[in-house]
Amino acid sequence: MKLLNIVRSAPDDLEKRFIENFAEGEENKVITLYDGNVDWSALVDDIFSHDKTICWW
């Protein structure tokens, strides 16, 4: 199962642990939006190519 994590703001330690634990045994990708370097077209492609998407605010 492919899991995509989209992170809007810098995660705290608890959020980082959640992201790591949800990804155990899965193909995991993390995209950060808060750094400003976002390839929006690639993000849309990633959303549709992954089985699950989790957005972290």
Protein backbone atom coordinates (compact mmCIF):
# COMPACT_ATOMS: atom_id res chain seq x y z
CA MET A 1 0.00 0.00 0.00
CA LYS A 2 1.38 3.41 -0.98
CA LEU A 3 0.95 6.17 1.60
CA LEU A 4 1.39 9.89 0.89
CA ASN A 5 1.86 12.37 3.75
CA ILE A 6 1.34 16.04 2.93
CA VAL A 7 2.72 18.30 5.66
CA ARG A 8 1.51 21.91 5.62
CA SER A 9 3.47 23.29 8.58
CA ALA A 10 6.64 22.17 10.35
CA PRO A 11 5.71 19.09 12.39
CA ASP A 12 6.43 18.82 16.08
CA ASP A 13 7.95 15.68 17.60
CA LEU A 14 4.57 14.00 18.13
CA GLU A 15 3.50 14.54 14.52
CA LYS A 16 6.86 13.21 13.30
CA ARG A 17 6.32 10.02 15.31
CA PHE A 18 2.80 9.62 13.90
CA ILE A 19 4.08 10.00 10.35
CA GLU A 20 6.83 7.44 10.98
CA ASN A 21 4.48 4.95 12.66
CA PHE A 22 1.78 5.18 9.98
CA ALA A 23 4.43 4.42 7.37
CA GLU A 24 5.71 1.19 8.91
CA GLY A 25 5.63 -1.60 6.35
CA GLU A 26 4.33 0.66 3.62
CA GLU A 27 5.75 2.58 0.71
CA ASN A 28 5.81 6.07 2.19
CA LYS A 29 6.35 9.52 0.73
CA VAL A 30 6.34 12.84 2.59
CA ILE A 31 5.78 16.15 0.82
CA THR A 32 6.33 19.36 2.76
CA LEU A 33 4.44 22.47 1.74
CA TYR A 34 5.93 24.82 4.32
CA ASP A 35 9.34 25.12 2.67
CA GLY A 36 7.84 26.85 -0.39
CA ASN A 37 9.39 24.58 -3.04
CA VAL A 38 6.34 22.67 -4.21
CA ASP A 39 5.88 21.15 -7.64
CA TRP A 40 2.09 21.37 -7.68
CA SER A 41 1.69 19.27 -10.81
CA ALA A 42 3.78 16.48 -9.29
CA LEU A 43 1.79 16.77 -6.05
CA VAL A 44 -1.48 16.14 -7.91
CA ASP A 45 0.11 13.17 -9.67
CA ASP A 46 1.31 11.80 -6.31
CA ILE A 47 -2.15 12.15 -4.77
CA PHE A 48 -3.69 10.04 -7.53
CA SER A 49 -0.88 7.48 -7.63
CA HIS A 50 -0.96 6.68 -3.89
CA ASP A 51 -3.55 4.48 -2.19
CA LYS A 52 -3.90 6.71 0.87
CA THR A 53 -3.20 10.39 1.51
CA ILE A 54 -2.91 12.01 4.94
CA CYS A 55 -2.75 15.80 5.29
CA TRP A 56 -1.00 17.17 8.37
CA TRP A 57 -1.84 20.76 9.37
